[in-house]
Protein backbone atom coordinates (compact mmCIF):
# COMPACT_ATOMS: atom_id res chain seq x y z
CA UNK A 1 161.28 100.23 137.47
CA UNK A 2 161.04 96.57 137.28
CA UNK A 3 162.32 94.02 139.94
CA UNK A 4 162.35 91.15 137.64
CA UNK A 5 163.12 87.09 138.52
CA UNK A 6 163.55 84.83 135.67
CA UNK A 7 162.51 81.63 137.90
CA UNK A 8 160.82 80.02 134.14
CA UNK A 9 164.12 80.12 132.26
CA UNK A 10 166.17 78.77 135.04
CA UNK A 11 164.20 75.97 135.50
CA UNK A 12 162.93 75.19 132.15
CA UNK A 13 165.22 76.48 129.88
CA UNK A 14 164.38 74.09 126.90
CA UNK A 15 160.77 76.01 127.13
CA UNK A 16 162.20 79.68 126.19
CA UNK A 17 164.21 80.86 123.31
CA UNK A 18 166.09 84.15 123.45
CA UNK A 19 164.52 87.04 121.09
CA UNK A 20 164.38 90.83 121.20
CA UNK A 21 161.40 93.20 120.36
CA UNK A 22 161.65 95.04 116.93
CA UNK A 23 162.68 98.56 117.53
CA UNK A 24 159.52 100.98 116.90
CA UNK A 25 159.64 104.02 114.93
CA UNK A 26 158.03 106.33 116.85
CA UNK A 27 156.76 105.27 120.64
CA UNK A 28 154.26 107.12 122.38
CA UNK A 29 152.33 106.20 125.17
CA UNK A 30 148.59 105.74 124.81
CA UNK A 31 147.43 103.92 127.92
CA UNK A 32 148.72 103.57 131.10
CA UNK A 33 147.62 101.74 134.02
CA UNK A 34 148.83 103.64 136.97
CA UNK A 35 146.90 101.66 139.60
CA UNK A 36 148.10 98.51 138.19
CA UNK A 37 151.78 99.51 138.28
CA UNK A 38 151.38 100.65 141.66
CA UNK A 39 150.29 97.46 142.98
CA UNK A 40 152.96 95.58 140.89
CA UNK A 41 155.38 97.76 142.95
CA UNK A 42 156.45 99.93 140.04
CA UNK A 43 158.05 103.12 140.02
CA UNK A 44 157.00 105.38 137.55
CA UNK A 45 159.28 106.72 135.15
CA UNK A 46 158.24 109.31 132.91
CA UNK A 47 155.82 109.07 130.29
CA UNK A 48 158.21 109.43 127.53
CA UNK A 49 160.57 106.89 128.74
CA UNK A 50 157.68 104.30 129.70
CA UNK A 51 156.81 104.35 126.10
CA UNK A 52 160.41 103.43 125.05
CA UNK A 53 160.86 100.86 127.67
CA UNK A 54 157.30 99.13 127.06
CA UNK A 55 157.46 99.30 123.37
CA UNK A 56 161.35 97.39 122.50
CA UNK A 57 162.48 100.70 121.89
CA UNK A 58 164.96 100.66 124.56
CA UNK A 59 166.15 97.36 126.47
CA UNK A 60 164.13 97.27 129.91
CA UNK A 61 166.22 96.94 133.16
CA UNK A 62 166.95 93.69 134.04
CA UNK A 63 164.61 92.14 131.48
CA UNK A 64 165.81 88.98 129.49
CA UNK A 65 163.18 88.71 126.81
CA UNK A 66 161.96 84.93 125.89
CA UNK A 67 159.43 83.42 123.42
CA UNK A 68 157.90 80.88 125.19
CA UNK A 69 157.31 77.13 123.41
CA UNK A 70 153.58 75.35 123.69
CA UNK A 71 151.58 73.63 121.70
CA UNK A 72 147.76 73.00 121.46
CA UNK A 73 144.70 71.93 119.86
CA UNK A 74 142.97 74.26 117.98
CA UNK A 75 139.45 73.79 116.99
CA UNK A 76 139.76 70.21 118.17
CA UNK A 77 143.23 69.50 115.95
CA UNK A 78 146.85 69.41 117.26
CA UNK A 79 149.27 71.41 116.57
CA UNK A 80 152.52 70.00 118.15
CA UNK A 81 154.47 73.40 117.27
CA UNK A 82 152.53 76.94 118.61
CA UNK A 83 154.77 79.22 120.87
CA UNK A 84 155.03 83.07 121.18
CA UNK A 85 154.38 84.17 117.61
CA UNK A 86 154.27 87.81 118.69
CA UNK A 87 155.26 88.03 122.29
CA UNK A 88 157.84 88.39 124.16
CA UNK A 89 158.09 87.41 128.23
CA UNK A 90 160.67 90.07 129.94
CA UNK A 91 160.56 87.99 133.33
CA UNK A 92 158.81 87.98 136.45
CA UNK A 93 157.77 90.98 138.50
CA UNK A 94 157.91 90.63 142.07
CA UNK A 95 155.17 92.73 143.77
CA UNK A 96 155.52 94.22 147.18
CA UNK A 97 153.33 91.40 148.93
CA UNK A 98 155.64 88.77 147.10
CA UNK A 99 153.29 87.95 144.54
CA UNK A 100 155.14 87.09 141.07
CA UNK A 101 153.95 88.22 137.59
CA UNK A 102 155.15 87.72 134.21
CA UNK A 103 155.19 90.85 132.39
CA UNK A 104 155.00 89.88 128.88
CA UNK A 105 154.68 92.09 125.63
CA UNK A 106 152.24 91.23 122.71
CA UNK A 107 153.23 92.47 119.17
CA UNK A 108 156.41 93.14 119.70
CA UNK A 109 157.50 91.94 116.28
CA UNK A 110 158.45 88.61 115.20
CA UNK A 111 159.99 85.30 116.71
CA UNK A 112 161.25 81.86 116.17
CA UNK A 113 157.44 81.07 116.12
CA UNK A 114 155.92 83.45 114.26
CA UNK A 115 155.82 81.08 111.12
CA UNK A 116 156.23 83.84 108.55
CA UNK A 117 154.08 86.21 110.56
CA UNK A 118 155.31 89.94 111.48
CA UNK A 119 154.19 89.14 114.89
CA UNK A 120 152.79 92.89 115.25
CA UNK A 121 149.81 93.90 116.60
CA UNK A 122 147.56 96.28 115.63
CA UNK A 123 146.21 99.46 117.83
CA UNK A 124 142.74 98.44 117.99
CA UNK A 125 143.61 94.85 118.85
CA UNK A 126 145.92 96.08 121.88
CA UNK A 127 143.18 98.89 123.14
CA UNK A 128 140.60 96.05 122.94
CA UNK A 129 142.64 93.22 125.18
CA UNK A 130 143.32 96.25 127.32
CA UNK A 131 139.26 97.12 127.32
CA UNK A 132 138.03 93.67 128.23
CA UNK A 133 140.94 92.49 130.76
CA UNK A 134 140.28 95.55 132.84
CA UNK A 135 136.26 94.85 132.61
CA UNK A 136 137.07 91.41 133.69
CA UNK A 137 138.68 92.55 136.51
CA UNK A 138 136.51 95.10 137.97
CA UNK A 139 134.00 92.31 137.35
CA UNK A 140 135.87 89.92 139.43
CA UNK A 141 136.66 87.34 136.98
CA UNK A 142 140.44 85.94 137.27
CA UNK A 143 142.20 87.30 134.32
CA UNK A 144 145.68 88.55 133.34
CA UNK A 145 145.66 92.70 133.20
CA UNK A 146 146.85 95.43 130.90
CA UNK A 147 149.75 97.49 132.19
CA UNK A 148 150.25 99.64 129.19
CA UNK A 149 149.70 100.40 125.61
CA UNK A 150 152.18 102.16 123.15
CA UNK A 151 151.67 102.96 119.88
CA UNK A 152 154.67 102.20 117.77
CA UNK A 153 154.27 104.81 114.92
CA UNK A 154 154.11 102.19 112.15
CA UNK A 155 151.53 101.18 110.14
CA UNK A 156 150.34 97.40 109.60
CA UNK A 157 148.40 95.75 106.81
CA UNK A 158 145.17 94.23 107.85
CA UNK A 159 143.15 94.29 104.88
CA UNK A 160 143.39 98.06 105.44
CA UNK A 161 146.01 99.94 107.23
CA UNK A 162 146.05 100.11 110.91
CA UNK A 163 148.42 101.69 112.95
CA UNK A 164 150.38 99.39 115.00
CA UNK A 165 151.21 98.84 119.09
CA UNK A 166 152.54 96.88 121.74
CA UNK A 167 150.53 95.91 124.59
CA UNK A 168 152.27 94.91 127.92
CA UNK A 169 150.24 92.20 130.03
CA UNK A 170 151.07 91.05 133.11
CA UNK A 171 149.66 87.42 134.52
CA UNK A 172 150.36 84.69 136.88
CA UNK A 173 152.08 83.25 134.37
CA UNK A 174 151.85 82.23 130.82
CA UNK A 175 151.96 78.31 131.69
CA UNK A 176 148.86 77.10 129.61
CA UNK A 177 147.76 73.39 129.04
CA UNK A 178 149.37 73.68 125.34
CA UNK A 179 152.62 74.00 127.29
CA UNK A 180 151.85 70.67 128.75
CA UNK A 181 151.08 69.09 125.27
CA UNK A 182 154.42 70.58 124.45
CA UNK A 183 156.63 68.90 126.71
CA UNK A 184 154.40 65.45 126.16
CA UNK A 185 154.96 65.82 122.75
CA UNK A 186 158.60 67.09 122.57
CA UNK A 187 160.42 66.15 125.66
CA UNK A 188 158.50 62.83 127.44
CA UNK A 189 157.54 62.33 131.08
CA UNK A 190 160.79 63.95 132.83
CA UNK A 191 160.22 67.35 131.17
CA UNK A 192 156.27 67.16 132.19
CA UNK A 193 157.10 66.06 135.79
CA UNK A 194 159.53 69.15 135.82
CA UNK A 195 157.04 71.07 134.67
CA UNK A 196 154.51 69.96 136.60
CA UNK A 197 156.64 70.66 139.91
CA UNK A 198 157.16 74.35 138.47
CA UNK A 199 153.52 75.04 138.00
CA UNK A 200 152.34 73.24 141.49
CA UNK A 201 155.44 75.74 143.29
CA UNK A 202 154.08 78.75 141.31
CA UNK A 203 150.53 78.35 141.34
CA UNK A 204 149.53 75.58 143.91
CA UNK A 205 152.31 75.47 146.66
CA UNK A 206 149.92 73.41 149.27
CA UNK A 207 149.89 70.81 146.79
CA UNK A 208 153.64 69.97 146.47
CA UNK A 209 153.29 67.95 149.08
CA UNK A 210 150.58 65.67 147.61
CA UNK A 211 151.30 62.05 146.97
CA UNK A 212 150.82 62.32 143.37
CA UNK A 213 151.76 65.66 142.35
CA UNK A 214 150.49 65.40 138.49
CA UNK A 215 147.30 63.86 139.39
CA UNK A 216 147.27 67.12 142.44
CA UNK A 217 147.78 69.56 139.50
CA UNK A 218 145.19 67.91 137.19
CA UNK A 219 142.73 68.33 140.16
CA UNK A 220 143.85 72.24 140.69
CA UNK A 221 143.91 73.22 137.32
CA UNK A 222 140.19 71.65 136.82
CA UNK A 223 138.95 73.41 140.27
CA UNK A 224 140.39 76.82 138.66
CA UNK A 225 139.03 76.15 135.13
CA UNK A 226 135.25 75.09 136.67
CA UNK A 227 135.50 78.34 138.82
CA UNK A 228 136.54 80.58 135.48
CA UNK A 229 133.92 79.19 133.39
CA UNK A 230 131.21 79.45 135.64
CA UNK A 231 132.00 83.36 136.07
CA UNK A 232 132.33 83.97 132.57
CA UNK A 233 128.56 82.13 132.20
CA UNK A 234 127.89 84.54 135.09
CA UNK A 235 128.44 87.83 133.39
CA UNK A 236 127.70 86.91 129.50
CA UNK A 237 131.30 86.51 128.44
CA UNK A 238 132.00 84.61 125.41
CA UNK A 239 135.46 84.08 124.60
CA UNK A 240 135.49 82.54 121.43
CA UNK A 241 138.66 80.86 120.84
CA UNK A 242 138.75 78.54 123.93
CA UNK A 243 141.57 76.24 122.36
CA UNK A 244 144.31 74.41 124.41
CA UNK A 245 146.96 77.31 123.85
CA UNK A 246 144.61 79.43 125.64
CA UNK A 247 143.75 77.63 128.76
CA UNK A 248 146.02 79.01 131.79
CA UNK A 249 146.93 76.66 134.68
CA UNK A 250 146.62 79.39 136.97
CA UNK A 251 142.87 79.99 135.74
CA UNK A 252 142.81 83.28 134.57
CA UNK A 253 141.39 84.53 131.70
CA UNK A 254 143.58 85.02 128.67
CA UNK A 255 143.77 86.22 124.86
CA UNK A 256 141.30 88.76 124.31
CA UNK A 257 140.87 88.25 120.54
CA UNK A 258 137.66 87.05 118.97
CA UNK A 259 135.70 87.40 122.60
CA UNK A 260 132.46 89.64 123.52
CA UNK A 261 129.50 90.20 125.70
CA UNK A 262 125.94 88.92 124.89
CA UNK A 263 123.60 91.47 124.13
CA UNK A 264 120.57 89.01 123.28
CA UNK A 265 120.73 85.90 125.33
CA UNK A 266 121.32 82.66 123.30
CA UNK A 267 123.38 79.39 124.16
CA UNK A 268 124.31 79.39 120.32
CA UNK A 269 125.95 82.74 120.09
CA UNK A 270 128.87 83.01 118.46
CA UNK A 271 130.94 86.28 117.72
CA UNK A 272 134.38 84.69 116.25
CA UNK A 273 134.96 85.23 112.13
CA UNK A 274 136.50 81.82 112.54
CA UNK A 275 133.93 79.74 114.18
CA UNK A 276 131.78 78.54 111.68
CA UNK A 277 130.34 75.31 113.33
CA UNK A 278 129.75 77.02 116.68
CA UNK A 279 132.47 74.87 118.60
CA UNK A 280 133.02 78.21 120.76
CA UNK A 281 129.54 78.79 121.35
CA UNK A 282 128.11 80.51 124.59
CA UNK A 283 126.67 77.47 125.69
CA UNK A 284 129.13 75.36 124.77
CA UNK A 285 132.12 76.71 126.67
CA UNK A 286 131.27 74.60 130.10
CA UNK A 287 131.76 71.51 127.46
CA UNK A 288 134.34 72.52 125.87
CA UNK A 289 136.65 73.40 129.10
CA UNK A 290 136.18 69.53 130.16
CA UNK A 291 137.45 68.55 126.43
CA UNK A 292 140.05 70.95 127.01
CA UNK A 293 140.85 69.17 130.26
CA UNK A 294 140.99 66.10 129.25
CA UNK A 295 143.84 67.21 126.70
CA UNK A 296 145.79 68.04 129.95
CA UNK A 297 145.42 64.75 131.54
CA UNK A 298 147.03 63.19 128.23
CA UNK A 299 149.77 65.05 128.13
CA UNK A 300 149.78 64.11 132.50
CA UNK A 301 148.97 60.98 132.67
CA UNK A 302 152.24 58.93 131.63
CA UNK A 303 154.00 60.70 134.79
CA UNK A 304 150.47 60.22 136.86
CA UNK A 305 150.51 56.59 136.22
CA UNK A 306 154.58 56.49 136.99
CA UNK A 307 153.40 57.59 140.70
CA UNK A 308 150.49 54.71 140.88
CA UNK A 309 149.35 52.71 137.79
CA UNK A 310 145.75 53.01 139.89
CA UNK A 311 145.79 56.70 139.60
CA UNK A 312 144.89 56.11 135.92
CA UNK A 313 141.26 55.66 137.46
CA UNK A 314 141.44 58.30 139.85
CA UNK A 315 142.23 60.86 136.96
CA UNK A 316 139.10 59.55 134.98
CA UNK A 317 137.16 60.23 138.03
CA UNK A 318 138.30 63.66 138.25
CA UNK A 319 137.54 64.40 135.07
CA UNK A 320 134.02 62.67 135.33
CA UNK A 321 133.19 64.80 138.05
CA UNK A 322 134.11 67.86 136.07
CA UNK A 323 130.16 68.84 135.30
CA UNK A 324 129.19 68.67 138.87
CA UNK A 325 132.10 70.72 139.93
CA UNK A 326 131.08 73.22 137.57
CA UNK A 327 127.58 73.31 138.38
CA UNK A 328 128.43 74.01 142.15
CA UNK A 329 130.57 77.28 140.89
CA UNK A 330 127.81 78.28 138.55
CA UNK A 331 124.90 78.32 140.93
CA UNK A 332 126.81 79.42 143.49
CA UNK A 333 127.04 82.85 141.81
CA UNK A 334 123.87 82.55 140.38
CA UNK A 335 122.52 82.92 143.93
CA UNK A 336 123.93 86.07 144.57
CA UNK A 337 122.57 87.46 141.15
CA UNK A 338 118.63 86.28 142.18
CA UNK A 339 119.09 87.66 145.70
CA UNK A 340 119.13 84.27 147.29
CA UNK A 341 121.59 83.87 150.62
CA UNK A 342 120.73 80.47 151.33
CA UNK A 343 121.01 77.08 149.37
CA UNK A 344 118.22 74.63 148.27
CA UNK A 345 118.14 71.21 146.30
CA UNK A 346 116.40 73.00 143.56
CA UNK A 347 118.31 75.98 142.99
CA UNK A 348 119.81 74.47 139.94
CA UNK A 349 116.50 73.53 138.07
CA UNK A 350 115.69 77.08 138.97
CA UNK A 351 118.26 78.81 137.22
CA UNK A 352 118.35 76.35 134.38
CA UNK A 353 114.78 76.91 133.56
CA UNK A 354 115.64 80.75 133.61
CA UNK A 355 117.69 80.25 130.81
CA UNK A 356 115.47 77.91 129.20
CA UNK A 357 113.05 80.38 128.96
CA UNK A 358 114.75 83.63 127.99
CA UNK A 359 115.92 81.14 124.58
CA UNK A 360 114.58 83.09 121.46
CA UNK A 361 113.34 85.78 123.79
CA UNK A 362 116.16 88.98 122.57
CA UNK A 363 116.64 89.52 125.85
CA UNK A 364 119.70 91.42 126.74
CA UNK A 365 121.73 88.91 129.13
CA UNK A 366 123.28 92.14 131.35
CA UNK A 367 119.95 94.49 131.44
CA UNK A 368 117.67 91.32 132.50
CA UNK A 369 119.67 90.90 135.92
CA UNK A 370 119.27 94.78 136.84
CA UNK A 371 115.43 94.46 135.80
CA UNK A 372 115.05 91.78 138.13
CA UNK A 373 116.45 93.19 141.26
CA UNK A 374 113.84 96.25 139.86
CA UNK A 375 111.02 94.26 139.84
CA UNK A 376 111.28 93.29 143.31
CA UNK A 377 109.77 96.85 143.88
CA UNK A 378 108.19 97.05 140.47
CA UNK A 379 106.71 94.25 139.81
CA UNK A 380 107.15 91.87 136.75
CA UNK A 381 106.33 94.66 134.37
CA UNK A 382 109.97 95.62 134.34
CA UNK A 383 111.31 92.49 133.59
CA UNK A 384 108.42 91.68 131.03
CA UNK A 385 109.11 94.73 129.35
CA UNK A 386 112.89 93.28 128.60
CA UNK A 387 111.40 90.08 126.36
CA UNK A 388 109.89 89.82 123.23
CA UNK A 389 107.37 87.32 124.58
CA UNK A 390 106.93 88.79 128.63
CA UNK A 391 104.16 85.73 129.00
CA UNK A 392 106.93 83.01 128.42
CA UNK A 393 108.99 84.33 131.60
CA UNK A 394 105.80 84.99 134.22
CA UNK A 395 105.87 81.26 135.65
CA UNK A 396 109.61 81.33 136.37
CA UNK A 397 109.67 85.20 137.74
CA UNK A 398 106.33 83.52 140.09
CA UNK A 399 108.66 80.38 140.92
CA UNK A 400 111.56 83.01 141.67
CA UNK A 401 109.09 85.04 143.87
CA UNK A 402 107.81 81.73 146.04
CA UNK A 403 111.45 80.85 146.57
CA UNK A 404 112.47 84.25 147.62
CA UNK A 405 109.33 83.77 150.03
CA UNK A 406 111.41 80.94 151.61
CA UNK A 407 114.59 83.46 152.32
CA UNK A 408 115.51 85.34 155.42
CA UNK A 409 113.93 88.92 155.15
CA UNK A 410 116.88 91.06 153.85
CA UNK A 411 116.36 94.98 153.79
CA UNK A 412 119.50 94.89 152.00
CA UNK A 413 118.59 92.27 149.21
CA UNK A 414 117.94 94.97 146.23
CA UNK A 415 121.45 96.47 146.67
CA UNK A 416 123.29 93.05 146.98
CA UNK A 417 121.81 92.05 144.13
CA UNK A 418 122.76 95.24 142.20
CA UNK A 419 126.45 94.28 143.73
CA UNK A 420 126.57 91.19 141.67
CA UNK A 421 124.58 92.22 138.23
CA UNK A 422 126.87 95.00 136.56
CA UNK A 423 125.31 97.70 134.81
CA UNK A 424 128.14 98.35 132.55
CA UNK A 425 130.31 95.98 130.51
CA UNK A 426 131.87 96.70 127.03
CA UNK A 427 129.29 96.42 125.04
CA UNK A 428 130.09 95.23 121.10
CA UNK A 429 128.93 98.24 119.30
CA UNK A 430 130.28 100.51 121.84
CA UNK A 431 133.40 99.00 121.95
CA UNK A 432 133.89 99.14 118.06
CA UNK A 433 133.29 102.69 118.25
CA UNK A 434 135.68 103.33 120.51
CA UNK A 435 138.15 101.38 118.96
CA UNK A 436 137.50 103.15 115.25
CA UNK A 437 137.81 106.71 116.88
CA UNK A 438 141.15 105.57 118.90
CA UNK A 439 142.67 104.48 115.72
CA UNK A 440 141.75 108.09 114.23
CA UNK A 441 143.43 109.64 117.19
CA UNK A 442 140.46 110.34 119.40
CA UNK A 443 140.68 108.62 122.54
CA UNK A 444 137.25 110.57 124.39
CA UNK A 445 135.12 107.62 123.58
CA UNK A 446 137.30 104.75 124.98
CA UNK A 447 138.59 106.37 127.93
CA UNK A 448 134.88 107.11 128.86
CA UNK A 449 133.93 103.42 128.33
CA UNK A 450 137.14 102.22 130.18
CA UNK A 451 136.14 104.22 133.42
CA UNK A 452 132.55 102.77 133.25
CA UNK A 453 133.52 99.43 132.65
CA UNK A 454 135.93 99.72 135.63
CA UNK A 455 133.35 100.33 138.15
CA UNK A 456 130.79 98.65 136.64
CA UNK A 457 128.01 98.48 139.32
CA UNK A 458 128.07 102.07 140.05
CA UNK A 459 125.33 103.69 138.27
CA UNK A 460 126.38 107.17 136.57
CA UNK A 461 124.43 110.14 135.86
CA UNK A 462 123.89 110.47 131.83
CA UNK A 463 125.20 107.09 131.08
CA UNK A 464 122.05 105.62 129.81
CA UNK A 465 123.34 104.74 126.42
CA UNK A 466 125.93 102.24 127.98
CA UNK A 467 123.03 100.16 129.47
CA UNK A 468 121.32 99.51 126.08
CA UNK A 469 121.31 97.03 123.31
CA UNK A 470 122.99 97.97 119.88
CA UNK A 471 120.06 100.18 117.80
CA UNK A 472 118.47 97.75 115.38
CA UNK A 473 119.63 97.73 112.58
CA UNK A 474 123.40 97.42 113.90
CA UNK A 475 125.18 94.75 111.58
CA UNK A 476 125.84 91.38 113.55
CA UNK A 477 128.78 91.60 115.64
CA UNK A 478 131.86 89.87 114.28
CA UNK A 479 135.05 89.68 116.12
CA UNK A 480 138.91 88.81 114.69
CA UNK A 481 141.89 87.17 116.04
CA UNK A 482 144.25 90.35 116.85
CA UNK A 483 146.99 89.18 114.53
């Protein structure tokens, strides 16, 4: 079934600790991602056997389970020793096209990095990551994926009792900014240089010939993260816990704990129960991304200047250019959302003005953009209906109409906008309801929501309730880490 390689363990053995999953009492397959399995070149065993393999009940053939070490800045404070406290890397699956993907358990029991925790996951947390990651993939946002969720048959106490589960996660790799911080803190420049070469070879092989490979890696990760966060901002996604141990070198979204999609737009929107000061609020995400990249630069800097002392300044200039790099990605995606096929110097101002005028208007982020495309035929009223005070957006809408007037005629403009603006995202109240039902044994709501967000741009008859914000009076949405 699996075709594992173990290049990380061979190249960087000091970054891993061999560990076995806890054996669950009664594994049962809850969700299996057949399309992803096929893309990975996995031949399908029967459901019972898959459940035993992907829960820890039986050793996965060819796997060498390890917990990986990393450090991290958590809410701005450095913790030199974190690591996989509830995850095990089984190995690297080689897909039919030659691509390499980590296969990892989440929630499979304690590891040497668990710090007295049980290392397990609730069914709700596992299903949440499955739903969110598959929704993000369908939105064309770089992300880790979910192969399976297996219920373990045991109960876990998390303030109240929950059924336990193991998620099988697929990633381009699990190398993080925190991995480099751990290397620098514990092993110094030589380890950072070896890690740099491994990361470049795996994710950015075209840069292996660079004069200064650590500097080349920093630039590659800056580009990947700028593009990633720009996509988050254009779909209204709030990661919730952008610690450096949750920032991948590959540029994939990772760790769907306290995350959510915006309902009513606000730059200050926070969903995480632990983000009391709004450090990781929606509008702060580009700023925090740059801060995290400074931490990567700090871990790399000794290796960078060992090649050429003058490249210290090159690294500084690279980080200083992050805002412009991010804005370039952000406005390019926003042009598609606004039906613009050409580029003009004032487009950035147009985009920024849109969100400035939406502040405090209770506009549903996802619905608003579909209303904008509808307004090309039906007029401003369809957009104004989405705001508390329609007059607040009317001047911007007029400017947008004028900007569209400078575009080439395009009869397909509305259709193109509707392929850039989703109808269906994992709305918070619907996600919560589906997860509650799933823990009670009713998978119907989860499966229906998953089907919609897996094809988010295609309208389905009778599914209008999935396009609406939470009803008035619904308690504020709060998310928690899934430990």
